[in-house]
């Protein structure tokens, strides 16, 4: 069966800085690069490289880099038939600053991602006949609701990575089977501060109350809080030296769904996804940092 990702594609402009500039401050950076990104694209690539049969529904612009992005997805084995080029607009753009600790600061311009409307989605409804649907929040909210509604009717597992952080209506949340917020996103959705296990547990219970069966709150280097139907536990992460945390969460999500597609038990799938994310932060960039299935398995075997 297939994993369908509905989401964003960006062209990332990345610059490394000693620290983030204060308002009005100019800093000299280094290692400027233009690389493929976007949460939807990152997650589709992560899933495909981790072994999932992956379909991607998305939009790019008519700029010169658009076709090379599509070609790159195809090279990773992703079904790109539902990626459309939109006339008169550019592909989405992300301006990314990375500091000496590997943390990032990101500014987005939606571009063609804003044209992935429910009407555009309706051109590719066959793509929503899938085993799993993976969504994020860099496309119009109405499109996520439409995709989740249609996939749910077909019996798909609906997975939402609620990033970037924003408030969400119950109309979407009640369609979600598995949700993967970080601490900030969990607090935005529930009003519960997540700075320890008790906070993670309370936030997870609030999300369960919305009808979401499985909650996975990513906690950075601490690991993840996994809660199924109100039963929660901390799963520690891997200790690595972070170079760039861009796309770590996306890598986790893509690898998690790849493992679930391969019928791994949930706890084992989470560990697989943690290993993938750990590898990604040791490398610069978004999709350039995403590991392959054999690399992930090698890290798991070594630990």
Protein backbone atom coordinates (compact mmCIF):
# COMPACT_ATOMS: atom_id res chain seq x y z
CA UNK A 1 0.00 0.00 0.00
CA UNK A 2 0.97 3.61 -0.48
CA UNK A 3 1.80 6.55 1.74
CA UNK A 4 0.44 9.80 0.32
CA UNK A 5 2.01 13.06 1.44
CA UNK A 6 0.04 16.25 0.77
CA UNK A 7 2.17 19.28 1.48
CA UNK A 8 4.66 21.98 0.67
CA UNK A 9 7.72 22.31 -1.51
CA UNK A 10 10.24 25.08 -0.83
CA UNK A 11 13.55 26.26 -2.15
CA UNK A 12 15.68 26.77 0.96
CA UNK A 13 18.25 29.57 1.16
CA UNK A 14 20.52 28.58 4.05
CA UNK A 15 23.26 30.62 5.72
CA UNK A 16 25.35 29.71 8.77
CA UNK A 17 25.91 32.40 11.43
CA UNK A 18 27.79 32.46 14.75
CA UNK A 19 24.50 33.48 16.41
CA UNK A 20 21.13 34.85 15.33
CA UNK A 21 21.22 38.62 14.72
CA UNK A 22 19.36 40.97 17.03
CA UNK A 23 16.92 43.49 15.49
CA UNK A 24 18.92 46.03 13.48
CA UNK A 25 22.11 43.95 13.67
CA UNK A 26 24.07 42.76 10.63
CA UNK A 27 26.23 39.64 10.94
CA UNK A 28 28.60 38.06 8.46
CA UNK A 29 27.72 34.45 7.75
CA UNK A 30 29.26 31.60 5.82
CA UNK A 31 28.41 28.49 3.82
CA UNK A 32 25.44 29.95 1.90
CA UNK A 33 23.57 27.26 -0.03
CA UNK A 34 20.38 26.84 -2.06
CA UNK A 35 18.85 23.43 -1.34
CA UNK A 36 15.46 21.71 -1.72
CA UNK A 37 13.14 21.90 1.29
CA UNK A 38 9.56 22.35 2.45
CA UNK A 39 7.98 20.26 5.18
CA UNK A 40 5.89 18.17 2.80
CA UNK A 41 8.82 17.55 0.48
CA UNK A 42 11.20 16.77 3.32
CA UNK A 43 8.78 14.23 4.77
CA UNK A 44 8.10 12.61 1.40
CA UNK A 45 11.83 12.26 0.77
CA UNK A 46 12.43 10.91 4.28
CA UNK A 47 9.69 8.31 3.86
CA UNK A 48 10.92 7.20 0.44
CA UNK A 49 14.55 6.92 1.55
CA UNK A 50 13.43 4.94 4.59
CA UNK A 51 11.74 2.41 2.32
CA UNK A 52 8.14 3.60 1.93
CA UNK A 53 6.15 3.49 -1.29
CA UNK A 54 5.40 7.21 -1.47
CA UNK A 55 3.12 9.47 -3.51
CA UNK A 56 3.38 13.27 -3.25
CA UNK A 57 0.60 15.81 -3.98
CA UNK A 58 2.04 19.33 -4.16
CA UNK A 59 2.58 22.46 -6.27
CA UNK A 60 5.67 24.22 -7.60
CA UNK A 61 5.98 27.48 -9.54
CA UNK A 62 7.26 28.20 -13.01
CA UNK A 63 10.74 29.28 -11.86
CA UNK A 64 13.85 27.64 -13.29
CA UNK A 65 14.47 25.39 -10.28
CA UNK A 66 10.97 23.85 -10.21
CA UNK A 67 11.61 21.00 -12.63
CA UNK A 68 14.88 20.06 -10.95
CA UNK A 69 12.98 19.70 -7.67
CA UNK A 70 10.47 17.33 -9.28
CA UNK A 71 13.29 15.37 -10.90
CA UNK A 72 14.96 15.03 -7.51
CA UNK A 73 11.81 13.57 -5.94
CA UNK A 74 11.52 11.09 -8.80
CA UNK A 75 15.15 10.08 -8.30
CA UNK A 76 14.24 9.14 -4.72
CA UNK A 77 11.49 6.88 -6.04
CA UNK A 78 8.57 9.18 -5.19
CA UNK A 79 5.49 9.14 -7.43
CA UNK A 80 5.46 12.74 -8.73
CA UNK A 81 2.44 12.54 -11.04
CA UNK A 82 0.38 14.80 -8.75
CA UNK A 83 3.00 17.58 -8.45
CA UNK A 84 1.78 20.42 -10.65
CA UNK A 85 3.53 23.54 -11.92
CA UNK A 86 1.48 26.70 -11.36
CA UNK A 87 1.85 29.52 -13.87
CA UNK A 88 2.60 33.07 -12.81
CA UNK A 89 4.04 32.30 -9.38
CA UNK A 90 7.29 31.10 -7.83
CA UNK A 91 7.93 27.94 -5.87
CA UNK A 92 7.76 28.46 -2.10
CA UNK A 93 10.86 29.91 -0.44
CA UNK A 94 12.40 29.47 3.02
CA UNK A 95 15.13 31.76 4.36
CA UNK A 96 17.01 29.72 6.98
CA UNK A 97 19.63 30.91 9.45
CA UNK A 98 21.62 28.25 11.32
CA UNK A 99 23.64 29.21 14.42
CA UNK A 100 26.78 27.64 15.86
CA UNK A 101 24.71 25.24 18.00
CA UNK A 102 22.86 23.90 14.96
CA UNK A 103 19.59 25.64 15.86
CA UNK A 104 17.65 27.30 13.05
CA UNK A 105 15.45 30.33 12.44
CA UNK A 106 13.17 30.18 9.40
CA UNK A 107 11.10 32.71 7.42
CA UNK A 108 8.69 31.40 4.76
CA UNK A 109 7.06 32.75 1.59
CA UNK A 110 4.30 30.33 0.54
CA UNK A 111 4.47 30.88 -3.22
CA UNK A 112 2.94 27.96 -5.09
CA UNK A 113 2.18 26.17 -1.82
CA UNK A 114 -0.68 28.63 -1.33
CA UNK A 115 -2.22 27.40 -4.59
CA UNK A 116 -2.63 23.85 -3.27
CA UNK A 117 -6.32 24.52 -2.62
CA UNK A 118 -9.15 21.99 -2.16
CA UNK A 119 -10.01 22.63 -5.83
CA UNK A 120 -6.45 21.77 -6.86
CA UNK A 121 -6.53 18.70 -4.62
CA UNK A 122 -9.71 17.53 -6.32
CA UNK A 123 -7.67 16.96 -9.50
CA UNK A 124 -5.82 14.16 -7.69
CA UNK A 125 -8.41 12.39 -5.57
CA UNK A 126 -7.09 8.98 -6.63
CA UNK A 127 -3.99 9.82 -4.60
CA UNK A 128 -6.12 9.83 -1.46
CA UNK A 129 -6.87 6.12 -1.91
CA UNK A 130 -3.96 5.20 0.34
CA UNK A 131 -3.01 3.30 3.47
CA UNK A 132 -1.54 6.35 5.21
CA UNK A 133 -1.95 10.10 4.66
CA UNK A 134 0.68 12.51 6.01
CA UNK A 135 -0.13 16.22 6.41
CA UNK A 136 1.63 19.37 7.70
CA UNK A 137 0.64 23.06 7.92
CA UNK A 138 2.52 24.85 5.12
CA UNK A 139 -0.46 24.60 2.74
CA UNK A 140 -4.00 26.01 3.14
CA UNK A 141 -5.81 24.56 6.16
CA UNK A 142 -8.92 23.87 4.07
CA UNK A 143 -6.83 21.57 1.86
CA UNK A 144 -5.66 19.56 4.85
CA UNK A 145 -9.25 19.17 6.03
CA UNK A 146 -10.38 18.09 2.56
CA UNK A 147 -7.52 15.61 2.21
CA UNK A 148 -8.08 14.13 5.66
CA UNK A 149 -11.84 13.81 5.09
CA UNK A 150 -11.44 12.01 1.77
CA UNK A 151 -8.64 9.72 2.91
CA UNK A 152 -10.51 8.82 6.10
CA UNK A 153 -13.52 7.69 4.08
CA UNK A 154 -11.17 5.36 2.18
CA UNK A 155 -9.94 3.85 5.45
CA UNK A 156 -6.53 5.54 5.59
CA UNK A 157 -4.59 6.29 8.76
CA UNK A 158 -4.46 10.11 8.91
CA UNK A 159 -1.24 11.47 10.38
CA UNK A 160 -0.76 15.18 11.14
CA UNK A 161 2.51 16.90 11.88
CA UNK A 162 1.04 20.19 13.19
CA UNK A 163 3.92 22.40 12.07
CA UNK A 164 4.53 25.28 11.87
CA UNK A 165 2.72 25.85 15.17
CA UNK A 166 -0.80 27.24 14.94
CA UNK A 167 -4.22 26.76 16.48
CA UNK A 168 -6.32 24.16 14.70
CA UNK A 169 -10.08 23.53 14.51
CA UNK A 170 -11.66 20.36 15.82
CA UNK A 171 -12.91 19.86 12.26
CA UNK A 172 -9.38 18.74 11.39
CA UNK A 173 -8.26 17.24 14.71
CA UNK A 174 -11.21 14.83 14.92
CA UNK A 175 -10.06 13.31 11.59
CA UNK A 176 -6.54 12.62 12.86
CA UNK A 177 -5.44 9.16 14.02
CA UNK A 178 -1.84 10.02 14.91
CA UNK A 179 -0.39 13.46 15.69
CA UNK A 180 3.29 14.42 16.06
CA UNK A 181 3.74 17.89 17.61
CA UNK A 182 6.90 19.22 19.22
CA UNK A 183 6.69 20.94 22.63
CA UNK A 184 5.77 24.34 21.17
CA UNK A 185 3.13 22.90 18.85
CA UNK A 186 1.62 20.75 21.61
CA UNK A 187 1.30 23.79 23.86
CA UNK A 188 -0.31 25.80 21.04
CA UNK A 189 -2.89 23.07 20.49
CA UNK A 190 -3.68 22.32 24.14
CA UNK A 191 -2.63 25.29 26.28
CA UNK A 192 -0.46 22.91 28.34
CA UNK A 193 3.20 23.83 28.85
CA UNK A 194 5.40 20.88 27.88
CA UNK A 195 8.66 21.18 29.81
CA UNK A 196 8.68 17.83 31.61
CA UNK A 197 7.07 14.39 31.48
CA UNK A 198 4.03 15.53 33.43
CA UNK A 199 3.41 18.35 30.96
CA UNK A 200 3.84 16.00 28.00
CA UNK A 201 1.39 13.55 29.54
CA UNK A 202 -1.19 16.28 30.19
CA UNK A 203 -0.86 17.64 26.65
CA UNK A 204 -1.19 14.16 25.21
CA UNK A 205 -4.35 13.53 27.23
CA UNK A 206 -5.82 16.81 25.95
CA UNK A 207 -5.18 15.65 22.38
CA UNK A 208 -6.66 12.22 23.11
CA UNK A 209 -9.77 14.08 24.28
CA UNK A 210 -10.08 15.44 20.74
CA UNK A 211 -10.39 11.85 19.51
CA UNK A 212 -6.75 11.33 18.47
CA UNK A 213 -5.76 7.76 19.35
CA UNK A 214 -1.96 8.12 19.21
CA UNK A 215 0.08 11.15 20.29
CA UNK A 216 3.84 11.43 19.77
CA UNK A 217 5.33 14.63 21.20
CA UNK A 218 8.90 15.16 20.00
CA UNK A 219 11.15 16.55 22.74
CA UNK A 220 14.39 17.24 20.87
CA UNK A 221 17.45 15.62 22.44
CA UNK A 222 15.33 14.20 25.31
CA UNK A 223 13.49 11.85 22.97
CA UNK A 224 9.73 11.57 22.44
CA UNK A 225 6.63 11.16 24.59
CA UNK A 226 4.55 8.32 23.14
CA UNK A 227 0.96 8.08 24.33
CA UNK A 228 -1.59 5.54 23.13
CA UNK A 229 -5.16 5.97 24.38
CA UNK A 230 -3.90 7.79 27.48
CA UNK A 231 -1.00 5.46 28.32
CA UNK A 232 2.21 7.45 27.97
CA UNK A 233 5.95 6.82 28.19
CA UNK A 234 9.19 8.66 27.49
CA UNK A 235 11.35 7.07 24.79
CA UNK A 236 14.90 8.48 25.10
CA UNK A 237 16.61 9.73 21.97
CA UNK A 238 20.05 9.07 20.49
CA UNK A 239 23.05 11.11 21.68
CA UNK A 240 24.71 12.80 18.69
CA UNK A 241 26.49 16.09 18.01
CA UNK A 242 24.05 18.36 16.17
CA UNK A 243 25.35 20.30 13.18
CA UNK A 244 21.99 21.47 11.79
CA UNK A 245 18.55 20.61 13.14
CA UNK A 246 16.73 21.67 9.94
CA UNK A 247 14.31 18.91 8.86
CA UNK A 248 14.96 16.70 11.89
CA UNK A 249 11.25 16.63 12.70
CA UNK A 250 10.40 16.03 9.05
CA UNK A 251 12.85 13.14 8.91
CA UNK A 252 11.27 11.66 12.05
CA UNK A 253 7.79 11.84 10.51
CA UNK A 254 8.74 10.35 7.16
CA UNK A 255 10.76 7.54 8.69
CA UNK A 256 8.01 6.78 11.22
CA UNK A 257 5.43 6.24 8.49
CA UNK A 258 7.88 4.19 6.44
CA UNK A 259 8.37 1.88 9.42
CA UNK A 260 4.62 1.64 10.00
CA UNK A 261 4.10 0.83 6.32
CA UNK A 262 6.59 -1.99 6.79
CA UNK A 263 4.37 -3.27 9.64
CA UNK A 264 6.83 -2.51 12.42
CA UNK A 265 5.19 -2.28 15.88
CA UNK A 266 4.69 1.33 16.96
CA UNK A 267 7.46 1.40 19.58
CA UNK A 268 9.93 -0.11 17.11
CA UNK A 269 8.80 2.36 14.46
CA UNK A 270 9.41 5.26 16.84
CA UNK A 271 12.96 4.04 17.53
CA UNK A 272 13.57 3.74 13.77
CA UNK A 273 12.32 7.30 13.30
CA UNK A 274 14.48 8.57 16.16
CA UNK A 275 17.55 6.99 14.59
CA UNK A 276 16.73 8.65 11.26
CA UNK A 277 16.30 12.05 12.91
CA UNK A 278 19.53 11.62 14.88
CA UNK A 279 21.45 10.98 11.66
CA UNK A 280 19.85 14.00 9.98
CA UNK A 281 21.04 16.51 12.59
CA UNK A 282 24.66 15.46 12.06
CA UNK A 283 24.47 16.79 8.48
CA UNK A 284 23.68 20.22 7.01
CA UNK A 285 20.55 21.15 5.10
CA UNK A 286 17.04 19.77 4.78
CA UNK A 287 16.69 17.00 2.20
CA UNK A 288 20.49 16.85 1.90
CA UNK A 289 20.56 15.58 5.50
CA UNK A 290 17.90 12.87 5.18
CA UNK A 291 19.37 9.35 5.63
CA UNK A 292 18.61 6.13 3.78
CA UNK A 293 17.13 2.94 5.19
CA UNK A 294 20.43 1.05 5.40
CA UNK A 295 22.06 3.93 7.31
CA UNK A 296 19.20 4.01 9.80
CA UNK A 297 19.34 0.27 10.36
CA UNK A 298 23.12 0.46 10.81
CA UNK A 299 22.75 3.06 13.58
CA UNK A 300 20.09 0.96 15.33
CA UNK A 301 22.29 -2.12 15.17
CA UNK A 302 25.28 -0.21 16.55
CA UNK A 303 23.29 0.91 19.63
